[in-house]
């Protein structure tokens, strides 16, 4: 089966993903990622950051991929170690999303993402309640990035 889905392991809540307009910041191959149709966000309860209520590895959101581009943490002026922390990372942009609740989806690798097929995962995209992702607001993105970047850099 064709790998048409990226599975991510993230601490970010639904609100954060929608604010950014997708799932970020991944060290993925953008060419390979652009060939995928869906991104499934699964909960990372072991990141050390406050996260959602889902069990570790459980899928909570699926998005229709609309593009892949460099992540925008560079918009934070005080990030002195940008290249070390964020270089080469991508945001998987989504146009539509659906909330799901499917346990044990993340395959357990250490990269934080994996590729699979939506069919193999047992998810029927036609049966989901798709909603349009609001157009990202740059002010909200910058505010979130400052918060998120400060959290990440305080752990390094």
N, C-alpha and C. Protein backbone atom coordinates (compact mmCIF):
# COMPACT_ATOMS: atom_id res chain seq x y z
N UNK A 1 0.83 -1.19 0.00
CA UNK A 1 0.00 0.00 0.00
C UNK A 1 0.87 1.25 0.00
N UNK A 2 0.40 2.26 -0.69
CA UNK A 2 1.13 3.51 -0.80
C UNK A 2 1.14 4.25 0.55
N UNK A 3 2.30 4.73 0.93
CA UNK A 3 2.43 5.53 2.15
C UNK A 3 1.89 6.92 1.86
N UNK A 4 0.64 7.16 2.21
CA UNK A 4 -0.01 8.43 1.92
C UNK A 4 -0.24 9.28 3.18
N UNK A 5 0.32 8.81 4.31
CA UNK A 5 0.04 9.46 5.59
C UNK A 5 1.33 9.61 6.40
N UNK A 6 1.48 10.78 7.02
CA UNK A 6 2.57 11.01 7.96
C UNK A 6 1.95 10.98 9.36
N UNK A 7 2.54 10.20 10.23
CA UNK A 7 2.09 10.14 11.62
C UNK A 7 3.11 10.91 12.45
N UNK A 8 2.65 11.91 13.20
CA UNK A 8 3.56 12.69 14.03
C UNK A 8 3.27 12.43 15.51
N UNK A 9 4.30 12.52 16.31
CA UNK A 9 4.19 12.39 17.77
C UNK A 9 4.44 13.78 18.34
N UNK A 10 3.41 14.42 18.88
CA UNK A 10 3.52 15.82 19.26
C UNK A 10 2.93 16.09 20.64
N UNK A 11 3.50 17.08 21.32
CA UNK A 11 2.92 17.54 22.57
C UNK A 11 1.87 18.62 22.31
N UNK A 12 1.85 19.20 21.11
CA UNK A 12 1.00 20.35 20.82
C UNK A 12 -0.49 19.98 20.89
N UNK A 13 -1.26 20.91 21.44
CA UNK A 13 -2.70 20.74 21.51
C UNK A 13 -3.33 21.11 20.17
N UNK A 14 -4.58 20.74 20.00
CA UNK A 14 -5.32 21.04 18.76
C UNK A 14 -5.26 22.54 18.48
N UNK A 15 -5.48 23.36 19.49
CA UNK A 15 -5.50 24.82 19.30
C UNK A 15 -4.17 25.32 18.73
N UNK A 16 -3.07 24.75 19.20
CA UNK A 16 -1.75 25.18 18.71
C UNK A 16 -1.57 24.78 17.25
N UNK A 17 -1.98 23.58 16.90
CA UNK A 17 -1.85 23.11 15.52
C UNK A 17 -2.68 23.99 14.59
N UNK A 18 -3.89 24.34 15.02
CA UNK A 18 -4.74 25.20 14.18
C UNK A 18 -4.19 26.61 14.09
N UNK A 19 -3.60 27.12 15.18
CA UNK A 19 -2.98 28.45 15.15
C UNK A 19 -1.87 28.50 14.11
N UNK A 20 -1.05 27.45 14.09
CA UNK A 20 0.08 27.41 13.15
C UNK A 20 -0.37 27.06 11.73
N UNK A 21 -1.55 26.47 11.59
CA UNK A 21 -2.02 26.04 10.28
C UNK A 21 -1.43 24.70 9.86
N UNK A 22 -0.94 23.95 10.84
CA UNK A 22 -0.37 22.64 10.54
C UNK A 22 0.48 22.12 11.68
N UNK A 23 1.14 21.03 11.41
CA UNK A 23 1.99 20.37 12.41
C UNK A 23 3.45 20.71 12.13
N UNK A 24 4.12 21.29 13.14
CA UNK A 24 5.51 21.73 12.99
C UNK A 24 6.30 21.25 14.19
N UNK A 25 7.48 21.21 14.20
CA UNK A 25 8.62 21.47 13.34
C UNK A 25 9.33 20.14 13.12
N UNK A 26 9.22 19.61 11.95
CA UNK A 26 9.69 18.24 11.68
C UNK A 26 10.90 18.23 10.78
N UNK A 27 11.85 17.36 11.07
CA UNK A 27 13.02 17.15 10.22
C UNK A 27 12.66 16.05 9.21
N UNK A 28 11.73 16.41 8.33
CA UNK A 28 11.25 15.46 7.32
C UNK A 28 11.78 15.86 5.96
N UNK A 29 11.74 14.93 5.05
CA UNK A 29 12.07 15.19 3.66
C UNK A 29 10.84 15.86 3.04
N UNK A 30 10.93 17.15 2.68
CA UNK A 30 9.74 17.84 2.18
C UNK A 30 9.18 17.24 0.89
N UNK A 31 10.04 16.71 0.04
CA UNK A 31 9.57 16.11 -1.21
C UNK A 31 8.73 14.87 -0.91
N UNK A 32 9.22 14.02 -0.03
CA UNK A 32 8.46 12.83 0.33
C UNK A 32 7.15 13.21 1.04
N UNK A 33 7.23 14.18 1.94
CA UNK A 33 6.05 14.61 2.69
C UNK A 33 4.97 15.19 1.78
N UNK A 34 5.39 15.92 0.74
CA UNK A 34 4.42 16.53 -0.18
C UNK A 34 3.64 15.48 -0.96
N UNK A 35 4.18 14.27 -1.07
CA UNK A 35 3.48 13.19 -1.77
C UNK A 35 2.37 12.57 -0.91
N UNK A 36 2.33 12.93 0.37
CA UNK A 36 1.31 12.37 1.27
C UNK A 36 0.04 13.21 1.23
N UNK A 37 -1.08 12.57 1.56
CA UNK A 37 -2.37 13.25 1.58
C UNK A 37 -2.79 13.68 2.98
N UNK A 38 -2.33 12.94 4.00
CA UNK A 38 -2.81 13.17 5.35
C UNK A 38 -1.65 13.25 6.35
N UNK A 39 -1.89 13.99 7.43
CA UNK A 39 -1.02 13.96 8.60
C UNK A 39 -1.91 13.59 9.78
N UNK A 40 -1.43 12.65 10.58
CA UNK A 40 -2.14 12.26 11.79
C UNK A 40 -1.27 12.65 12.97
N UNK A 41 -1.85 13.45 13.87
CA UNK A 41 -1.14 13.87 15.06
C UNK A 41 -1.48 12.93 16.21
N UNK A 42 -0.44 12.37 16.82
CA UNK A 42 -0.61 11.50 17.98
C UNK A 42 0.04 12.17 19.19
N UNK A 43 -0.46 11.83 20.35
CA UNK A 43 -0.04 12.50 21.58
C UNK A 43 1.30 11.99 22.10
N UNK A 44 2.18 12.95 22.39
CA UNK A 44 3.44 12.66 23.07
C UNK A 44 3.30 13.11 24.52
N UNK A 45 3.12 12.17 25.41
CA UNK A 45 2.98 12.48 26.84
C UNK A 45 4.33 12.51 27.55
N UNK A 46 5.41 12.18 26.84
CA UNK A 46 6.73 12.07 27.47
C UNK A 46 7.69 13.18 27.06
N UNK A 47 7.16 14.27 26.51
CA UNK A 47 8.03 15.33 26.01
C UNK A 47 8.54 16.26 27.10
N UNK A 48 7.87 16.28 28.24
CA UNK A 48 8.24 17.22 29.29
C UNK A 48 7.47 18.52 29.20
N UNK A 49 6.71 18.72 28.13
CA UNK A 49 5.88 19.91 27.98
C UNK A 49 4.44 19.55 28.32
N UNK A 50 3.68 20.54 28.77
CA UNK A 50 2.26 20.32 29.04
C UNK A 50 1.58 20.01 27.71
N UNK A 51 0.78 18.94 27.69
CA UNK A 51 0.15 18.53 26.44
C UNK A 51 -1.32 18.22 26.67
N UNK A 52 -1.95 17.64 25.65
CA UNK A 52 -3.36 17.29 25.73
C UNK A 52 -3.61 16.11 26.66
N UNK A 53 -4.86 15.73 26.74
CA UNK A 53 -5.28 14.69 27.68
C UNK A 53 -5.23 13.27 27.11
N UNK A 54 -4.95 13.13 25.84
CA UNK A 54 -4.96 11.81 25.21
C UNK A 54 -3.84 10.93 25.75
N UNK A 55 -4.02 9.63 25.65
CA UNK A 55 -2.97 8.68 26.03
C UNK A 55 -1.81 8.77 25.05
N UNK A 56 -0.63 8.43 25.53
CA UNK A 56 0.58 8.46 24.69
C UNK A 56 0.39 7.59 23.45
N UNK A 57 0.70 8.16 22.29
CA UNK A 57 0.62 7.43 21.02
C UNK A 57 -0.76 7.38 20.40
N UNK A 58 -1.75 7.99 21.05
CA UNK A 58 -3.12 7.98 20.52
C UNK A 58 -3.31 9.11 19.52
N UNK A 59 -4.00 8.80 18.42
CA UNK A 59 -4.30 9.82 17.41
C UNK A 59 -5.44 10.70 17.90
N UNK A 60 -5.27 12.02 17.73
CA UNK A 60 -6.31 12.95 18.15
C UNK A 60 -6.74 13.90 17.05
N UNK A 61 -5.95 14.02 15.98
CA UNK A 61 -6.28 14.92 14.88
C UNK A 61 -5.72 14.36 13.60
N UNK A 62 -6.50 14.49 12.53
CA UNK A 62 -6.02 14.16 11.19
C UNK A 62 -6.23 15.39 10.33
N UNK A 63 -5.26 15.68 9.48
CA UNK A 63 -5.36 16.84 8.61
C UNK A 63 -5.11 16.46 7.16
N UNK A 64 -5.74 17.19 6.25
CA UNK A 64 -5.47 17.04 4.82
C UNK A 64 -4.29 17.96 4.50
N UNK A 65 -3.22 17.36 4.02
CA UNK A 65 -2.01 18.13 3.76
C UNK A 65 -2.21 19.05 2.56
N UNK A 66 -1.91 20.34 2.77
CA UNK A 66 -2.02 21.33 1.70
C UNK A 66 -0.65 21.82 1.24
N UNK A 67 0.39 21.45 1.95
CA UNK A 67 1.73 21.86 1.57
C UNK A 67 2.73 21.57 2.68
N UNK A 68 4.00 21.69 2.33
CA UNK A 68 5.09 21.51 3.29
C UNK A 68 6.07 22.64 3.04
N UNK A 69 6.46 23.33 4.10
CA UNK A 69 7.38 24.46 3.93
C UNK A 69 8.25 24.59 5.17
N UNK A 70 9.34 25.36 5.06
CA UNK A 70 10.20 25.54 6.23
C UNK A 70 9.40 26.12 7.39
N UNK A 71 9.69 25.63 8.57
CA UNK A 71 9.02 26.13 9.77
C UNK A 71 9.38 27.60 9.97
N UNK A 72 8.56 28.31 10.71
CA UNK A 72 8.75 29.76 10.79
C UNK A 72 9.25 30.24 12.14
N UNK A 73 9.96 29.40 12.89
CA UNK A 73 10.52 29.86 14.15
C UNK A 73 11.53 31.00 13.97
N UNK A 74 12.04 31.16 12.76
CA UNK A 74 12.99 32.24 12.53
C UNK A 74 12.35 33.61 12.78
N UNK A 75 11.02 33.66 12.85
CA UNK A 75 10.34 34.93 13.12
C UNK A 75 10.57 35.41 14.55
N UNK A 76 11.23 34.61 15.36
CA UNK A 76 11.50 34.99 16.75
C UNK A 76 12.87 35.65 16.82
N UNK A 77 12.94 36.95 17.08
CA UNK A 77 14.21 37.67 16.99
C UNK A 77 15.26 37.23 18.00
N UNK A 78 14.88 36.72 19.16
CA UNK A 78 15.88 36.41 20.20
C UNK A 78 16.40 34.97 20.13
N UNK A 79 16.07 34.26 19.08
CA UNK A 79 16.59 32.89 18.96
C UNK A 79 18.01 32.98 18.43
N UNK A 80 18.97 32.86 19.34
CA UNK A 80 20.37 33.00 18.96
C UNK A 80 20.92 31.73 18.33
N UNK A 81 20.33 30.59 18.70
CA UNK A 81 20.84 29.32 18.19
C UNK A 81 19.87 28.71 17.20
N UNK A 82 19.31 29.54 16.30
CA UNK A 82 18.32 29.05 15.35
C UNK A 82 18.83 27.87 14.55
N UNK A 83 20.00 28.02 13.97
CA UNK A 83 20.53 26.96 13.10
C UNK A 83 20.66 25.65 13.85
N UNK A 84 21.11 25.72 15.08
CA UNK A 84 21.29 24.52 15.90
C UNK A 84 19.95 23.86 16.25
N UNK A 85 18.94 24.67 16.52
CA UNK A 85 17.67 24.15 17.02
C UNK A 85 16.60 23.93 15.97
N UNK A 86 16.57 24.75 14.92
CA UNK A 86 15.43 24.70 14.01
C UNK A 86 15.77 24.53 12.53
N UNK A 87 17.01 24.59 12.16
CA UNK A 87 17.38 24.50 10.75
C UNK A 87 16.89 23.19 10.14
N UNK A 88 16.34 23.27 8.95
CA UNK A 88 15.90 22.09 8.23
C UNK A 88 14.55 21.55 8.66
N UNK A 89 13.92 22.18 9.62
CA UNK A 89 12.61 21.69 10.08
C UNK A 89 11.51 22.23 9.18
N UNK A 90 10.45 21.44 9.06
CA UNK A 90 9.35 21.77 8.15
C UNK A 90 8.03 21.82 8.92
N UNK A 91 7.09 22.59 8.39
CA UNK A 91 5.72 22.57 8.86
C UNK A 91 4.89 21.84 7.81
N UNK A 92 4.06 20.92 8.27
CA UNK A 92 3.14 20.20 7.39
C UNK A 92 1.83 20.97 7.47
N UNK A 93 1.56 21.75 6.44
CA UNK A 93 0.36 22.60 6.42
C UNK A 93 -0.88 21.77 6.10
N UNK A 94 -1.99 22.16 6.74
CA UNK A 94 -3.24 21.45 6.49
C UNK A 94 -4.34 22.43 6.11
N UNK A 95 -5.22 21.98 5.22
CA UNK A 95 -6.36 22.81 4.80
C UNK A 95 -7.62 22.46 5.58
N UNK A 96 -7.75 21.19 5.95
CA UNK A 96 -8.91 20.70 6.69
C UNK A 96 -8.44 19.74 7.77
N UNK A 97 -9.23 19.62 8.82
CA UNK A 97 -8.88 18.71 9.90
C UNK A 97 -10.14 18.03 10.43
N UNK A 98 -9.92 16.92 11.08
CA UNK A 98 -10.98 16.21 11.79
C UNK A 98 -10.40 15.71 13.11
N UNK A 99 -11.20 15.77 14.14
CA UNK A 99 -10.79 15.24 15.43
C UNK A 99 -11.09 13.75 15.45
N UNK A 100 -10.14 12.98 15.91
CA UNK A 100 -10.30 11.53 15.98
C UNK A 100 -9.84 11.05 17.34
N UNK A 101 -10.16 9.83 17.66
CA UNK A 101 -9.72 9.23 18.91
C UNK A 101 -9.40 7.77 18.60
N UNK A 102 -8.14 7.52 18.30
CA UNK A 102 -7.73 6.16 17.93
C UNK A 102 -6.45 5.84 18.70
N UNK A 103 -6.53 4.89 19.63
CA UNK A 103 -5.36 4.59 20.46
C UNK A 103 -4.27 3.84 19.71
N UNK A 104 -3.06 3.96 20.25
CA UNK A 104 -1.90 3.17 19.80
C UNK A 104 -1.61 3.28 18.30
N UNK A 105 -1.66 4.48 17.77
CA UNK A 105 -1.36 4.68 16.34
C UNK A 105 0.13 4.88 16.11
N UNK A 106 0.80 5.62 17.01
CA UNK A 106 2.21 5.91 16.77
C UNK A 106 3.03 4.62 16.85
N UNK A 107 3.88 4.37 15.84
CA UNK A 107 4.62 3.09 15.78
C UNK A 107 5.78 2.96 16.76
N UNK A 108 6.12 4.03 17.47
CA UNK A 108 7.13 3.91 18.51
C UNK A 108 8.56 4.17 18.08
N UNK A 109 8.79 4.70 16.88
CA UNK A 109 10.17 5.00 16.52
C UNK A 109 10.62 6.29 17.21
N UNK A 110 11.92 6.56 17.18
CA UNK A 110 12.48 7.69 17.92
C UNK A 110 12.52 8.99 17.13
N UNK A 111 12.15 8.96 15.84
CA UNK A 111 12.23 10.16 15.01
C UNK A 111 11.15 11.19 15.34
N UNK A 112 10.02 10.75 15.85
CA UNK A 112 8.92 11.66 16.09
C UNK A 112 7.91 11.69 14.95
N UNK A 113 8.20 10.96 13.89
CA UNK A 113 7.26 10.86 12.78
C UNK A 113 7.50 9.54 12.06
N UNK A 114 6.49 9.12 11.32
CA UNK A 114 6.57 7.88 10.54
C UNK A 114 5.62 8.00 9.36
N UNK A 115 5.84 7.17 8.37
CA UNK A 115 4.97 7.12 7.19
C UNK A 115 4.19 5.82 7.20
N UNK A 116 2.94 5.88 6.74
CA UNK A 116 2.09 4.70 6.65
C UNK A 116 0.99 4.99 5.64
N UNK A 117 0.08 4.05 5.49
CA UNK A 117 -1.07 4.28 4.61
C UNK A 117 -2.32 4.43 5.46
N UNK A 118 -3.21 5.30 5.05
CA UNK A 118 -4.44 5.54 5.79
C UNK A 118 -5.27 4.26 5.88
N UNK A 119 -5.20 3.46 4.83
CA UNK A 119 -5.94 2.20 4.82
C UNK A 119 -5.40 1.21 5.85
N UNK A 120 -4.08 1.08 5.91
CA UNK A 120 -3.46 0.18 6.88
C UNK A 120 -3.79 0.60 8.32
N UNK A 121 -3.91 1.90 8.54
CA UNK A 121 -4.21 2.41 9.87
C UNK A 121 -5.68 2.21 10.25
N UNK A 122 -6.49 1.81 9.30
CA UNK A 122 -7.90 1.54 9.58
C UNK A 122 -8.75 2.79 9.76
N UNK A 123 -8.37 3.86 9.06
CA UNK A 123 -9.12 5.11 9.15
C UNK A 123 -9.77 5.38 7.80
N UNK A 124 -11.07 5.63 7.81
CA UNK A 124 -11.82 5.95 6.59
C UNK A 124 -12.01 7.46 6.51
N UNK A 125 -11.23 8.16 5.68
CA UNK A 125 -11.34 9.62 5.60
C UNK A 125 -12.73 10.10 5.20
N UNK A 126 -13.45 9.30 4.43
CA UNK A 126 -14.79 9.70 3.99
C UNK A 126 -15.79 9.73 5.14
N UNK A 127 -15.52 9.02 6.21
CA UNK A 127 -16.44 8.94 7.35
C UNK A 127 -16.18 10.03 8.39
N UNK A 128 -15.18 10.88 8.18
CA UNK A 128 -14.80 11.88 9.17
C UNK A 128 -15.54 13.20 8.97
N UNK A 129 -15.67 13.96 10.04
CA UNK A 129 -16.30 15.28 10.02
C UNK A 129 -15.21 16.33 9.80
N UNK A 130 -14.93 16.62 8.54
CA UNK A 130 -13.86 17.54 8.18
C UNK A 130 -14.29 18.98 8.40
N UNK A 131 -13.36 19.77 8.94
CA UNK A 131 -13.57 21.20 9.15
C UNK A 131 -12.43 21.96 8.50
N UNK A 132 -12.76 23.14 8.01
CA UNK A 132 -11.73 23.97 7.38
C UNK A 132 -10.83 24.57 8.46
N UNK A 133 -9.54 24.59 8.18
CA UNK A 133 -8.57 25.21 9.10
C UNK A 133 -8.63 26.72 8.89
N UNK A 134 -8.78 27.48 9.97
CA UNK A 134 -8.80 28.94 9.83
C UNK A 134 -7.48 29.43 9.22
N UNK A 135 -7.58 30.51 8.45
CA UNK A 135 -6.37 31.09 7.85
C UNK A 135 -5.44 31.56 8.98
N UNK A 136 -4.18 31.12 8.97
CA UNK A 136 -3.25 31.50 10.05
C UNK A 136 -3.08 33.02 10.14
N UNK A 137 -3.06 33.51 11.37
CA UNK A 137 -2.86 34.92 11.66
C UNK A 137 -1.42 35.09 12.14
N UNK A 138 -0.63 35.92 11.46
CA UNK A 138 0.80 36.02 11.77
C UNK A 138 1.06 36.46 13.20
N UNK A 139 0.25 37.35 13.74
CA UNK A 139 0.43 37.78 15.13
C UNK A 139 0.28 36.60 16.08
N UNK A 140 -0.76 35.78 15.87
CA UNK A 140 -0.98 34.60 16.72
C UNK A 140 0.16 33.59 16.56
N UNK A 141 0.63 33.42 15.33
CA UNK A 141 1.75 32.50 15.09
C UNK A 141 2.99 32.98 15.83
N UNK A 142 3.30 34.27 15.73
CA UNK A 142 4.48 34.81 16.40
C UNK A 142 4.38 34.67 17.93
N UNK A 143 3.19 34.93 18.47
CA UNK A 143 2.98 34.79 19.91
C UNK A 143 3.20 33.34 20.33
N UNK A 144 2.62 32.42 19.59
CA UNK A 144 2.80 31.01 19.92
C UNK A 144 4.27 30.61 19.77
N UNK A 145 4.91 31.05 18.70
CA UNK A 145 6.32 30.69 18.48
C UNK A 145 7.21 31.20 19.60
N UNK A 146 6.95 32.39 20.11
CA UNK A 146 7.75 32.91 21.22
C UNK A 146 7.62 31.99 22.43
N UNK A 147 6.40 31.62 22.75
CA UNK A 147 6.14 30.74 23.87
C UNK A 147 6.83 29.39 23.67
N UNK A 148 6.61 28.79 22.51
CA UNK A 148 7.14 27.46 22.21
C UNK A 148 8.66 27.47 22.15
N UNK A 149 9.22 28.49 21.52
CA UNK A 149 10.67 28.59 21.40
C UNK A 149 11.32 28.76 22.77
N UNK A 150 10.74 29.59 23.61
CA UNK A 150 11.26 29.76 24.97
C UNK A 150 11.24 28.44 25.71
N UNK A 151 10.18 27.66 25.56
CA UNK A 151 10.09 26.35 26.22
C UNK A 151 11.20 25.44 25.72
N UNK A 152 11.38 25.36 24.41
CA UNK A 152 12.38 24.46 23.83
C UNK A 152 13.79 24.85 24.25
N UNK A 153 14.09 26.15 24.17
CA UNK A 153 15.44 26.60 24.47
C UNK A 153 15.77 26.49 25.95
N UNK A 154 14.76 26.55 26.81
CA UNK A 154 15.02 26.41 28.24
C UNK A 154 15.40 24.97 28.59
N UNK A 155 15.10 24.03 27.69
CA UNK A 155 15.43 22.62 27.96
C UNK A 155 16.78 22.22 27.39
N UNK A 156 17.39 23.08 26.56
CA UNK A 156 18.67 22.71 25.93
C UNK A 156 19.84 23.16 26.76
